[in-house]
């Protein structure tokens, strides 16, 4: 009888558990914890990770002489991958960026590090888990860091790599297509889907391409991710994909922006924008009028300099939506 996948999160040493599963030829089950959906376990072969290790080593410059810091929890698959890769490379894991040559961060964690004045000089920052705005990457580089950024998903593993969100190109050995606005990838790094028949966004086509519903466009070899597949606001019968709105606002302001739905008695919901910089609302409103369809334009504007994050270090969209819905954020700008 085939042995069940190793539930890595239930072990005392998740990194050792992944490497032991590789030796034993067993599948692993990796629990995910998204910001807007229920947790589920993704099943994969360990080879679907380890086969990408040489590429990661080359792109990030990690070898046995490196010192790697993974400050986020290993319950997040991106952090567990980073820790397993470091051990495979022979690079010791260290507890603080000051001791490291390489640091794995989410964009929210990078923002916090810059605000705290963390010394990033000479360090390579591998940033993932959310969109890395070019302006944030530039701030890190101005602080003396080298920045790498990748896009992927727990179900797909690596899809694209670059220096920021506007500089993503297909990861080595990965084919990327955008079909009807959705990002599809075919590679040796795909998972096998979900454990115990759990439902989720992972969809594997007959030609070997898979998607989790994330939306984007591919032009000139550059992949632009415009939003997670399930992030939408239904307003007056129109489905507004929040990633498309956020892209316009971020490009116009050079600052972070989050779009959520606010309950409305007649329309069901209206689009609301939460900006990290309240002074940017004028530029954001002008861009919305010029570039967005009427249903996409935010009807309410709020400021929240420090966006809440999940335990995995990603911006907690659900928590922001709750703050807005409960009236706990003060509106900014003209109505």
C-alpha atoms as a PDB file:
ATOM      1  CA  UNK A   1       0.000   0.000   0.000  1.00  0.00           C
ATOM      2  CA  UNK A   2       1.301   3.432  -0.886  1.00  0.00           C
ATOM      3  CA  UNK A   3       2.397   5.399   2.136  1.00  0.00           C
ATOM      4  CA  UNK A   4       0.505   8.645   2.799  1.00  0.00           C
ATOM      5  CA  UNK A   5       2.300  11.950   2.249  1.00  0.00           C
ATOM      6  CA  UNK A   6       4.429  13.189   5.120  1.00  0.00           C
ATOM      7  CA  UNK A   7       2.582  15.954   6.979  1.00  0.00           C
ATOM      8  CA  UNK A   8       5.620  18.183   7.302  1.00  0.00           C
ATOM      9  CA  UNK A   9       3.997  20.687   9.676  1.00  0.00           C
ATOM     10  CA  UNK A  10       3.333  17.925  12.220  1.00  0.00           C
ATOM     11  CA  UNK A  11       7.016  17.074  12.571  1.00  0.00           C
ATOM     12  CA  UNK A  12       9.509  18.494  15.059  1.00  0.00           C
ATOM     13  CA  UNK A  13      11.929  19.546  12.304  1.00  0.00           C
ATOM     14  CA  UNK A  14      10.086  20.360   9.045  1.00  0.00           C
ATOM     15  CA  UNK A  15      13.328  20.906   7.127  1.00  0.00           C
ATOM     16  CA  UNK A  16      14.696  17.495   8.119  1.00  0.00           C
ATOM     17  CA  UNK A  17      11.300  15.942   7.362  1.00  0.00           C
ATOM     18  CA  UNK A  18      11.367  17.209   3.773  1.00  0.00           C
ATOM     19  CA  UNK A  19      14.913  15.954   3.201  1.00  0.00           C
ATOM     20  CA  UNK A  20      14.098  12.585   4.796  1.00  0.00           C
ATOM     21  CA  UNK A  21      11.072  12.235   2.521  1.00  0.00           C
ATOM     22  CA  UNK A  22      13.375  12.783  -0.443  1.00  0.00           C
ATOM     23  CA  UNK A  23      15.613   9.949   0.732  1.00  0.00           C
ATOM     24  CA  UNK A  24      12.640   7.661   1.368  1.00  0.00           C
ATOM     25  CA  UNK A  25      10.905   8.523  -1.899  1.00  0.00           C
ATOM     26  CA  UNK A  26       7.765   9.757  -0.150  1.00  0.00           C
ATOM     27  CA  UNK A  27       5.437  12.579  -1.041  1.00  0.00           C
ATOM     28  CA  UNK A  28       5.085  15.573   1.292  1.00  0.00           C
ATOM     29  CA  UNK A  29       1.961  17.493   2.275  1.00  0.00           C
ATOM     30  CA  UNK A  30       2.564  21.209   2.843  1.00  0.00           C
ATOM     31  CA  UNK A  31      -0.130  23.200   4.578  1.00  0.00           C
ATOM     32  CA  UNK A  32      -0.973  26.590   3.113  1.00  0.00           C
ATOM     33  CA  UNK A  33      -2.497  29.580   4.871  1.00  0.00           C
ATOM     34  CA  UNK A  34      -3.765  32.172   2.445  1.00  0.00           C
ATOM     35  CA  UNK A  35      -5.055  35.619   3.364  1.00  0.00           C
ATOM     36  CA  UNK A  36      -8.524  35.084   1.941  1.00  0.00           C
ATOM     37  CA  UNK A  37      -9.135  31.327   1.896  1.00  0.00           C
ATOM     38  CA  UNK A  38      -9.200  28.361   4.224  1.00  0.00           C
ATOM     39  CA  UNK A  39      -5.960  26.441   4.783  1.00  0.00           C
ATOM     40  CA  UNK A  40      -5.386  23.306   2.716  1.00  0.00           C
ATOM     41  CA  UNK A  41      -2.498  20.916   2.175  1.00  0.00           C
ATOM     42  CA  UNK A  42      -0.618  20.797  -1.112  1.00  0.00           C
ATOM     43  CA  UNK A  43       0.885  17.426  -2.036  1.00  0.00           C
ATOM     44  CA  UNK A  44       4.133  17.273  -4.016  1.00  0.00           C
ATOM     45  CA  UNK A  45       7.214  15.200  -4.643  1.00  0.00           C
ATOM     46  CA  UNK A  46      10.340  16.521  -2.958  1.00  0.00           C
ATOM     47  CA  UNK A  47      12.004  16.471  -6.381  1.00  0.00           C
ATOM     48  CA  UNK A  48       9.547  19.159  -7.493  1.00  0.00           C
ATOM     49  CA  UNK A  49      11.462  21.389  -5.064  1.00  0.00           C
ATOM     50  CA  UNK A  50      14.974  20.014  -5.231  1.00  0.00           C
ATOM     51  CA  UNK A  51      15.088  20.064  -9.045  1.00  0.00           C
ATOM     52  CA  UNK A  52      14.786  23.858  -8.838  1.00  0.00           C
ATOM     53  CA  UNK A  53      17.569  24.243  -6.257  1.00  0.00           C
ATOM     54  CA  UNK A  54      20.463  24.687  -8.733  1.00  0.00           C
ATOM     55  CA  UNK A  55      18.536  27.472 -10.475  1.00  0.00           C
ATOM     56  CA  UNK A  56      17.797  29.229  -7.181  1.00  0.00           C
ATOM     57  CA  UNK A  57      21.429  28.928  -6.138  1.00  0.00           C
ATOM     58  CA  UNK A  58      22.587  30.510  -9.393  1.00  0.00           C
ATOM     59  CA  UNK A  59      19.992  33.290  -9.453  1.00  0.00           C
ATOM     60  CA  UNK A  60      20.345  34.266  -5.782  1.00  0.00           C
ATOM     61  CA  UNK A  61      24.060  33.533  -5.455  1.00  0.00           C
ATOM     62  CA  UNK A  62      23.629  31.085  -2.568  1.00  0.00           C
ATOM     63  CA  UNK A  63      26.285  28.462  -1.897  1.00  0.00           C
ATOM     64  CA  UNK A  64      28.023  26.780   1.046  1.00  0.00           C
ATOM     65  CA  UNK A  65      29.787  30.036   1.874  1.00  0.00           C
ATOM     66  CA  UNK A  66      26.525  31.942   2.307  1.00  0.00           C
ATOM     67  CA  UNK A  67      24.677  32.610   5.550  1.00  0.00           C
ATOM     68  CA  UNK A  68      20.908  32.578   5.134  1.00  0.00           C
ATOM     69  CA  UNK A  69      18.307  34.283   7.320  1.00  0.00           C
ATOM     70  CA  UNK A  70      14.667  33.175   7.088  1.00  0.00           C
ATOM     71  CA  UNK A  71      12.895  35.302   9.716  1.00  0.00           C
ATOM     72  CA  UNK A  72       9.371  34.194   8.792  1.00  0.00           C
ATOM     73  CA  UNK A  73       7.652  31.068  10.147  1.00  0.00           C
ATOM     74  CA  UNK A  74       8.368  27.731   8.492  1.00  0.00           C
ATOM     75  CA  UNK A  75       4.619  27.160   8.299  1.00  0.00           C
ATOM     76  CA  UNK A  76       4.744  29.393   5.206  1.00  0.00           C
ATOM     77  CA  UNK A  77       5.832  27.310   2.238  1.00  0.00           C
ATOM     78  CA  UNK A  78       8.113  30.029   0.830  1.00  0.00           C
ATOM     79  CA  UNK A  79      10.045  30.101   4.101  1.00  0.00           C
ATOM     80  CA  UNK A  80      10.218  26.329   4.393  1.00  0.00           C
ATOM     81  CA  UNK A  81      11.497  26.124   0.830  1.00  0.00           C
ATOM     82  CA  UNK A  82      14.192  28.718   1.623  1.00  0.00           C
ATOM     83  CA  UNK A  83      15.303  26.801   4.718  1.00  0.00           C
ATOM     84  CA  UNK A  84      15.393  23.453   2.908  1.00  0.00           C
ATOM     85  CA  UNK A  85      17.338  25.010   0.040  1.00  0.00           C
ATOM     86  CA  UNK A  86      19.862  26.519   2.477  1.00  0.00           C
ATOM     87  CA  UNK A  87      20.460  23.168   4.186  1.00  0.00           C
ATOM     88  CA  UNK A  88      20.791  21.431   0.797  1.00  0.00           C
ATOM     89  CA  UNK A  89      23.320  24.107  -0.241  1.00  0.00           C
ATOM     90  CA  UNK A  90      25.360  23.713   2.925  1.00  0.00           C
ATOM     91  CA  UNK A  91      24.647  27.321   3.893  1.00  0.00           C
ATOM     92  CA  UNK A  92      24.029  27.779   7.629  1.00  0.00           C
ATOM     93  CA  UNK A  93      20.786  29.370   8.778  1.00  0.00           C
ATOM     94  CA  UNK A  94      21.328  32.419  10.991  1.00  0.00           C
ATOM     95  CA  UNK A  95      18.924  34.215  13.251  1.00  0.00           C
ATOM     96  CA  UNK A  96      19.212  37.845  12.173  1.00  0.00           C
ATOM     97  CA  UNK A  97      19.836  39.846   8.980  1.00  0.00           C
ATOM     98  CA  UNK A  98      22.963  41.336  10.558  1.00  0.00           C
ATOM     99  CA  UNK A  99      24.568  37.868  10.495  1.00  0.00           C
ATOM    100  CA  UNK A 100      23.394  36.983   6.989  1.00  0.00           C
ATOM    101  CA  UNK A 101      24.531  37.306   3.418  1.00  0.00           C
ATOM    102  CA  UNK A 102      21.025  36.431   2.165  1.00  0.00           C
ATOM    103  CA  UNK A 103      17.641  37.241   3.696  1.00  0.00           C
ATOM    104  CA  UNK A 104      14.250  35.879   2.577  1.00  0.00           C
ATOM    105  CA  UNK A 105      11.430  38.388   3.129  1.00  0.00           C
ATOM    106  CA  UNK A 106       7.913  39.312   2.096  1.00  0.00           C
ATOM    107  CA  UNK A 107       7.390  42.859   0.785  1.00  0.00           C
ATOM    108  CA  UNK A 108       5.649  43.757   4.053  1.00  0.00           C
ATOM    109  CA  UNK A 109       8.603  42.461   6.066  1.00  0.00           C
ATOM    110  CA  UNK A 110      11.001  44.395   3.837  1.00  0.00           C
ATOM    111  CA  UNK A 111       9.013  47.568   4.447  1.00  0.00           C
ATOM    112  CA  UNK A 112       9.242  46.953   8.186  1.00  0.00           C
ATOM    113  CA  UNK A 113      12.980  46.354   8.000  1.00  0.00           C
ATOM    114  CA  UNK A 114      13.546  49.608   6.127  1.00  0.00           C
ATOM    115  CA  UNK A 115      11.357  51.541   8.554  1.00  0.00           C
ATOM    116  CA  UNK A 116      13.296  50.042  11.473  1.00  0.00           C
ATOM    117  CA  UNK A 117      16.612  51.080   9.927  1.00  0.00           C
ATOM    118  CA  UNK A 118      17.879  47.504   9.623  1.00  0.00           C
ATOM    119  CA  UNK A 119      21.349  47.424   8.081  1.00  0.00           C
ATOM    120  CA  UNK A 120      20.911  45.757   4.693  1.00  0.00           C
ATOM    121  CA  UNK A 121      24.205  46.805   3.137  1.00  0.00           C
ATOM    122  CA  UNK A 122      25.848  44.082   1.080  1.00  0.00           C
ATOM    123  CA  UNK A 123      23.021  41.624   1.579  1.00  0.00           C
ATOM    124  CA  UNK A 124      20.962  39.852  -1.050  1.00  0.00           C
ATOM    125  CA  UNK A 125      17.244  40.056  -0.325  1.00  0.00           C
ATOM    126  CA  UNK A 126      15.037  37.383  -1.880  1.00  0.00           C
ATOM    127  CA  UNK A 127      11.548  38.880  -1.733  1.00  0.00           C
ATOM    128  CA  UNK A 128       8.360  36.913  -2.445  1.00  0.00           C
ATOM    129  CA  UNK A 129       4.873  36.212  -1.150  1.00  0.00           C
ATOM    130  CA  UNK A 130       3.320  39.329  -2.662  1.00  0.00           C
ATOM    131  CA  UNK A 131       3.980  41.947  -5.315  1.00  0.00           C
ATOM    132  CA  UNK A 132       7.278  43.812  -4.849  1.00  0.00           C
ATOM    133  CA  UNK A 133       6.675  47.370  -6.060  1.00  0.00           C
ATOM    134  CA  UNK A 134       9.625  48.834  -8.003  1.00  0.00           C
ATOM    135  CA  UNK A 135       9.744  51.790  -5.613  1.00  0.00           C
ATOM    136  CA  UNK A 136      10.183  49.477  -2.619  1.00  0.00           C
ATOM    137  CA  UNK A 137      12.893  47.540  -4.446  1.00  0.00           C
ATOM    138  CA  UNK A 138      14.627  50.837  -5.211  1.00  0.00           C
ATOM    139  CA  UNK A 139      14.520  51.820  -1.528  1.00  0.00           C
ATOM    140  CA  UNK A 140      16.185  48.534  -0.595  1.00  0.00           C
ATOM    141  CA  UNK A 141      18.853  49.013  -3.246  1.00  0.00           C
ATOM    142  CA  UNK A 142      19.454  52.563  -2.031  1.00  0.00           C
ATOM    143  CA  UNK A 143      20.039  51.050   1.414  1.00  0.00           C
ATOM    144  CA  UNK A 144      22.833  48.958  -0.079  1.00  0.00           C
ATOM    145  CA  UNK A 145      21.054  45.656  -0.729  1.00  0.00           C
ATOM    146  CA  UNK A 146      20.852  43.523  -3.836  1.00  0.00           C
ATOM    147  CA  UNK A 147      17.225  42.581  -4.530  1.00  0.00           C
ATOM    148  CA  UNK A 148      15.757  39.486  -6.164  1.00  0.00           C
ATOM    149  CA  UNK A 149      12.032  38.866  -6.481  1.00  0.00           C
ATOM    150  CA  UNK A 150       9.999  35.893  -7.620  1.00  0.00           C
ATOM    151  CA  UNK A 151       6.385  35.033  -8.287  1.00  0.00           C
ATOM    152  CA  UNK A 152       4.910  31.621  -7.674  1.00  0.00           C
ATOM    153  CA  UNK A 153       2.326  29.737  -5.642  1.00  0.00           C
ATOM    154  CA  UNK A 154       2.376  26.834  -3.221  1.00  0.00           C
ATOM    155  CA  UNK A 155       0.701  24.713  -5.900  1.00  0.00           C
ATOM    156  CA  UNK A 156       2.930  25.826  -8.794  1.00  0.00           C
ATOM    157  CA  UNK A 157       6.262  26.544  -7.081  1.00  0.00           C
ATOM    158  CA  UNK A 158       8.365  28.982  -9.126  1.00  0.00           C
ATOM    159  CA  UNK A 159       6.801  30.719 -12.104  1.00  0.00           C
ATOM    160  CA  UNK A 160       8.875  33.862 -12.708  1.00  0.00           C
ATOM    161  CA  UNK A 161      11.969  35.625 -11.328  1.00  0.00           C
ATOM    162  CA  UNK A 162      13.355  39.149 -11.544  1.00  0.00           C
ATOM    163  CA  UNK A 163      14.276  42.180  -9.468  1.00  0.00           C
ATOM    164  CA  UNK A 164      10.760  43.533  -8.809  1.00  0.00           C
ATOM    165  CA  UNK A 165       7.158  43.049  -9.912  1.00  0.00           C
ATOM    166  CA  UNK A 166       7.641  44.805 -13.256  1.00  0.00           C
ATOM    167  CA  UNK A 167      10.737  42.745 -14.095  1.00  0.00           C
ATOM    168  CA  UNK A 168       9.523  39.154 -13.878  1.00  0.00           C
ATOM    169  CA  UNK A 169      10.567  36.655 -16.533  1.00  0.00           C
ATOM    170  CA  UNK A 170       9.788  32.928 -16.636  1.00  0.00           C
ATOM    171  CA  UNK A 171      11.869  30.912 -14.176  1.00  0.00           C
ATOM    172  CA  UNK A 172      14.319  28.449 -15.790  1.00  0.00           C
ATOM    173  CA  UNK A 173      12.585  25.307 -17.121  1.00  0.00           C
ATOM    174  CA  UNK A 174       9.175  26.974 -16.730  1.00  0.00           C
ATOM    175  CA  UNK A 175       6.856  27.690 -19.650  1.00  0.00           C
ATOM    176  CA  UNK A 176       4.370  30.493 -19.003  1.00  0.00           C
ATOM    177  CA  UNK A 177       1.232  31.364 -20.933  1.00  0.00           C
ATOM    178  CA  UNK A 178      -1.594  33.797 -20.240  1.00  0.00           C
ATOM    179  CA  UNK A 179      -4.950  32.412 -21.360  1.00  0.00           C
ATOM    180  CA  UNK A 180      -8.056  34.566 -21.087  1.00  0.00           C
ATOM    181  CA  UNK A 181      -6.200  36.775 -18.629  1.00  0.00           C
ATOM    182  CA  UNK A 182      -5.099  33.912 -16.348  1.00  0.00           C
ATOM    183  CA  UNK A 183      -1.528  32.788 -15.761  1.00  0.00           C
ATOM    184  CA  UNK A 184      -0.706  29.180 -16.644  1.00  0.00           C
ATOM    185  CA  UNK A 185       2.632  27.433 -16.058  1.00  0.00           C
ATOM    186  CA  UNK A 186       4.138  24.115 -17.121  1.00  0.00           C
ATOM    187  CA  UNK A 187       7.276  22.890 -15.392  1.00  0.00           C
ATOM    188  CA  UNK A 188       8.896  20.047 -13.420  1.00  0.00           C
ATOM    189  CA  UNK A 189       8.086  21.989 -10.261  1.00  0.00           C
ATOM    190  CA  UNK A 190       4.295  21.639 -10.171  1.00  0.00           C
ATOM    191  CA  UNK A 191       2.540  20.007  -7.223  1.00  0.00           C
ATOM    192  CA  UNK A 192       0.124  17.103  -7.471  1.00  0.00           C
ATOM    193  CA  UNK A 193      -2.813  19.050  -6.113  1.00  0.00           C
ATOM    194  CA  UNK A 194      -4.448  18.917  -2.706  1.00  0.00           C
ATOM    195  CA  UNK A 195      -4.523  16.308   0.028  1.00  0.00           C
ATOM    196  CA  UNK A 196      -7.657  14.445   1.101  1.00  0.00           C
ATOM    197  CA  UNK A 197      -9.706  15.690  -1.818  1.00  0.00           C
ATOM    198  CA  UNK A 198      -9.659  19.295  -0.629  1.00  0.00           C
ATOM    199  CA  UNK A 199     -10.956  21.876  -3.067  1.00  0.00           C
ATOM    200  CA  UNK A 200      -8.898  24.821  -4.224  1.00  0.00           C
ATOM    201  CA  UNK A 201      -7.950  26.973  -7.184  1.00  0.00           C
ATOM    202  CA  UNK A 202      -5.360  24.574  -8.625  1.00  0.00           C
ATOM    203  CA  UNK A 203      -6.356  23.457 -12.118  1.00  0.00           C
ATOM    204  CA  UNK A 204      -4.247  21.143 -14.277  1.00  0.00           C
ATOM    205  CA  UNK A 205      -5.015  21.101 -18.000  1.00  0.00           C
ATOM    206  CA  UNK A 206      -4.519  18.161 -20.327  1.00  0.00           C
ATOM    207  CA  UNK A 207      -1.466  19.767 -21.904  1.00  0.00           C
ATOM    208  CA  UNK A 208       0.377  19.883 -18.567  1.00  0.00           C
ATOM    209  CA  UNK A 209      -0.153  23.585 -17.893  1.00  0.00           C
ATOM    210  CA  UNK A 210      -1.560  24.502 -14.470  1.00  0.00           C
ATOM    211  CA  UNK A 211      -3.052  27.608 -12.907  1.00  0.00           C
ATOM    212  CA  UNK A 212      -4.317  28.840  -9.554  1.00  0.00           C
ATOM    213  CA  UNK A 213      -6.420  31.523 -11.253  1.00  0.00           C
ATOM    214  CA  UNK A 214      -3.991  34.397 -10.809  1.00  0.00           C
ATOM    215  CA  UNK A 215      -4.413  37.044 -13.473  1.00  0.00           C
ATOM    216  CA  UNK A 216      -1.738  38.754 -15.515  1.00  0.00           C
ATOM    217  CA  UNK A 217      -0.289  39.527 -18.899  1.00  0.00           C
ATOM    218  CA  UNK A 218       2.819  38.435 -20.767  1.00  0.00           C
ATOM    219  CA  UNK A 219       4.478  40.886 -23.141  1.00  0.00           C
ATOM    220  CA  UNK A 220       8.035  40.958 -24.439  1.00  0.00           C
ATOM    221  CA  UNK A 221       8.914  38.048 -22.188  1.00  0.00           C
ATOM    222  CA  UNK A 222       7.915  39.981 -19.053  1.00  0.00           C
ATOM    223  CA  UNK A 223       5.136  38.595 -16.847  1.00  0.00           C
ATOM    224  CA  UNK A 224       3.014  41.139 -15.000  1.00  0.00           C
ATOM    225  CA  UNK A 225       0.823  39.702 -12.248  1.00  0.00           C
ATOM    226  CA  UNK A 226      -2.279  41.843 -11.914  1.00  0.00           C
ATOM    227  CA  UNK A 227      -4.092  39.992  -9.156  1.00  0.00           C
ATOM    228  CA  UNK A 228      -4.864  36.809  -7.317  1.00  0.00           C
ATOM    229  CA  UNK A 229      -7.647  34.868  -8.936  1.00  0.00           C
ATOM    230  CA  UNK A 230     -10.146  34.992  -6.077  1.00  0.00           C
ATOM    231  CA  UNK A 231      -9.676  38.648  -5.111  1.00  0.00           C
ATOM    232  CA  UNK A 232     -12.680  40.457  -6.511  1.00  0.00           C
ATOM    233  CA  UNK A 233     -15.459  42.834  -5.509  1.00  0.00           C
ATOM    234  CA  UNK A 234     -18.973  42.330  -6.883  1.00  0.00           C
ATOM    235  CA  UNK A 235     -20.547  45.780  -7.195  1.00  0.00           C
ATOM    236  CA  UNK A 236     -23.875  46.393  -8.905  1.00  0.00           C
ATOM    237  CA  UNK A 237     -23.578  43.090 -10.739  1.00  0.00           C
ATOM    238  CA  UNK A 238     -20.073  43.891 -12.059  1.00  0.00           C
ATOM    239  CA  UNK A 239     -17.078  41.828 -10.956  1.00  0.00           C
ATOM    240  CA  UNK A 240     -14.085  44.071 -10.233  1.00  0.00           C
ATOM    241  CA  UNK A 241     -10.722  42.339  -9.971  1.00  0.00           C
ATOM    242  CA  UNK A 242      -8.916  44.169  -7.203  1.00  0.00           C
ATOM    243  CA  UNK A 243      -5.454  43.475  -8.605  1.00  0.00           C
ATOM    244  CA  UNK A 244      -6.229  45.466 -11.753  1.00  0.00           C
ATOM    245  CA  UNK A 245      -7.282  48.473  -9.668  1.00  0.00           C
ATOM    246  CA  UNK A 246      -4.316  48.168  -7.308  1.00  0.00           C
ATOM    247  CA  UNK A 247      -1.907  48.088 -10.237  1.00  0.00           C
ATOM    248  CA  UNK A 248      -3.196  51.465 -11.488  1.00  0.00           C
ATOM    249  CA  UNK A 249      -3.076  53.055  -8.031  1.00  0.00           C
ATOM    250  CA  UNK A 250       0.399  51.753  -7.211  1.00  0.00           C
ATOM    251  CA  UNK A 251       1.793  52.888 -10.544  1.00  0.00           C
ATOM    252  CA  UNK A 252       0.321  56.371 -10.077  1.00  0.00           C
ATOM    253  CA  UNK A 253       1.474  56.875  -6.504  1.00  0.00           C
ATOM    254  CA  UNK A 254       4.631  54.799  -6.140  1.00  0.00           C
ATOM    255  CA  UNK A 255       3.187  53.601  -2.833  1.00  0.00           C
ATOM    256  CA  UNK A 256       1.352  50.555  -1.597  1.00  0.00           C
ATOM    257  CA  UNK A 257      -2.398  50.350  -2.118  1.00  0.00           C
ATOM    258  CA  UNK A 258      -4.975  47.751  -1.177  1.00  0.00           C
ATOM    259  CA  UNK A 259      -8.456  47.496  -2.682  1.00  0.00           C
ATOM    260  CA  UNK A 260     -11.343  45.878  -0.807  1.00  0.00           C
ATOM    261  CA  UNK A 261     -15.121  45.781  -0.990  1.00  0.00           C
ATOM    262  CA  UNK A 262     -17.316  47.743   1.404  1.00  0.00           C
ATOM    263  CA  UNK A 263     -20.895  46.493   1.949  1.00  0.00           C
ATOM    264  CA  UNK A 264     -23.536  48.663   0.260  1.00  0.00           C
ATOM    265  CA  UNK A 265     -27.325  48.239   0.719  1.00  0.00           C
ATOM    266  CA  UNK A 266     -28.169  48.721  -2.974  1.00  0.00           C
ATOM    267  CA  UNK A 267     -25.072  47.683  -4.918  1.00  0.00           C
ATOM    268  CA  UNK A 268     -24.013  44.825  -2.661  1.00  0.00           C
ATOM    269  CA  UNK A 269     -20.563  46.377  -2.282  1.00  0.00           C
ATOM    270  CA  UNK A 270     -18.560  49.338  -3.480  1.00  0.00           C
ATOM    271  CA  UNK A 271     -14.856  49.495  -4.205  1.00  0.00           C
ATOM    272  CA  UNK A 272     -12.686  51.097  -1.516  1.00  0.00           C
ATOM    273  CA  UNK A 273      -8.978  51.904  -1.669  1.00  0.00           C
ATOM    274  CA  UNK A 274      -6.675  51.835   1.346  1.00  0.00           C
ATOM    275  CA  UNK A 275      -3.427  53.749   0.779  1.00  0.00           C
ATOM    276  CA  UNK A 276      -0.256  53.527   2.820  1.00  0.00           C
ATOM    277  CA  UNK A 277       0.422  57.218   2.074  1.00  0.00           C
ATOM    278  CA  UNK A 278      -2.553  59.556   2.681  1.00  0.00           C
ATOM    279  CA  UNK A 279      -0.820  62.303   0.687  1.00  0.00           C
ATOM    280  CA  UNK A 280      -1.067  60.123  -2.417  1.00  0.00           C
ATOM    281  CA  UNK A 281      -4.862  60.148  -2.606  1.00  0.00           C
ATOM    282  CA  UNK A 282      -4.953  63.015  -5.132  1.00  0.00           C
ATOM    283  CA  UNK A 283      -2.706  61.207  -7.593  1.00  0.00           C
ATOM    284  CA  UNK A 284      -4.564  57.956  -7.008  1.00  0.00           C
ATOM    285  CA  UNK A 285      -7.973  59.519  -7.653  1.00  0.00           C
ATOM    286  CA  UNK A 286      -6.726  61.182 -10.839  1.00  0.00           C
ATOM    287  CA  UNK A 287      -5.350  57.874 -12.128  1.00  0.00           C
ATOM    288  CA  UNK A 288      -8.596  56.107 -11.270  1.00  0.00           C
ATOM    289  CA  UNK A 289     -10.632  58.646 -13.244  1.00  0.00           C
ATOM    290  CA  UNK A 290      -8.288  58.446 -16.223  1.00  0.00           C
ATOM    291  CA  UNK A 291      -7.602  54.721 -16.415  1.00  0.00           C
ATOM    292  CA  UNK A 292     -10.404  52.774 -14.766  1.00  0.00           C
ATOM    293  CA  UNK A 293     -13.932  51.954 -15.805  1.00  0.00           C
ATOM    294  CA  UNK A 294     -16.678  53.504 -13.630  1.00  0.00           C
ATOM    295  CA  UNK A 295     -17.341  50.280 -11.676  1.00  0.00           C
ATOM    296  CA  UNK A 296     -13.621  49.881 -10.948  1.00  0.00           C
ATOM    297  CA  UNK A 297     -13.108  53.359  -9.499  1.00  0.00           C
ATOM    298  CA  UNK A 298     -12.870  53.422  -5.701  1.00  0.00           C
ATOM    299  CA  UNK A 299     -15.823  55.204  -4.146  1.00  0.00           C
ATOM    300  CA  UNK A 300     -14.207  55.433  -0.719  1.00  0.00           C
ATOM    301  CA  UNK A 301     -10.615  56.222   0.209  1.00  0.00           C
ATOM    302  CA  UNK A 302      -8.781  55.411   3.419  1.00  0.00           C
ATOM    303  CA  UNK A 303      -5.242  55.615   4.770  1.00  0.00           C
ATOM    304  CA  UNK A 304      -3.447  53.005   6.843  1.00  0.00           C
ATOM    305  CA  UNK A 305       0.327  53.575   7.046  1.00  0.00           C
ATOM    306  CA  UNK A 306       1.017  50.144   8.519  1.00  0.00           C
ATOM    307  CA  UNK A 307      -0.988  47.439   6.775  1.00  0.00           C
ATOM    308  CA  UNK A 308      -1.655  44.405   9.014  1.00  0.00           C
ATOM    309  CA  UNK A 309       0.045  41.158   8.061  1.00  0.00           C
ATOM    310  CA  UNK A 310      -0.642  37.478   8.512  1.00  0.00           C
ATOM    311  CA  UNK A 311       1.618  35.190  10.490  1.00  0.00           C
ATOM    312  CA  UNK A 312       3.391  34.406   7.217  1.00  0.00           C
ATOM    313  CA  UNK A 313       4.241  38.074   6.725  1.00  0.00           C
ATOM    314  CA  UNK A 314       1.796  38.783   3.881  1.00  0.00           C
ATOM    315  CA  UNK A 315      -0.588  41.736   3.906  1.00  0.00           C
ATOM    316  CA  UNK A 316      -3.816  40.552   5.520  1.00  0.00           C
ATOM    317  CA  UNK A 317      -6.481  41.614   3.034  1.00  0.00           C
ATOM    318  CA  UNK A 318      -9.289  40.140   5.131  1.00  0.00           C
ATOM    319  CA  UNK A 319      -8.214  42.135   8.206  1.00  0.00           C
ATOM    320  CA  UNK A 320      -8.085  45.371   6.193  1.00  0.00           C
ATOM    321  CA  UNK A 321     -11.543  44.699   4.759  1.00  0.00           C
ATOM    322  CA  UNK A 322     -12.847  44.155   8.285  1.00  0.00           C
ATOM    323  CA  UNK A 323     -11.377  47.476   9.475  1.00  0.00           C
ATOM    324  CA  UNK A 324     -13.044  49.284   6.600  1.00  0.00           C
ATOM    325  CA  UNK A 325     -16.399  47.525   6.994  1.00  0.00           C
ATOM    326  CA  UNK A 326     -16.517  48.278  10.725  1.00  0.00           C
ATOM    327  CA  UNK A 327     -15.778  51.965  10.158  1.00  0.00           C
ATOM    328  CA  UNK A 328     -12.489  51.822  12.079  1.00  0.00           C
ATOM    329  CA  UNK A 329     -10.551  53.718   9.415  1.00  0.00           C
ATOM    330  CA  UNK A 330     -11.027  57.432   8.833  1.00  0.00           C
ATOM    331  CA  UNK A 331     -11.772  58.389   5.209  1.00  0.00           C
ATOM    332  CA  UNK A 332      -9.330  60.630   3.357  1.00  0.00           C
ATOM    333  CA  UNK A 333      -9.799  62.933   0.375  1.00  0.00           C
ATOM    334  CA  UNK A 334     -12.973  64.370  -1.048  1.00  0.00           C
ATOM    335  CA  UNK A 335     -15.960  62.027  -1.313  1.00  0.00           C
END
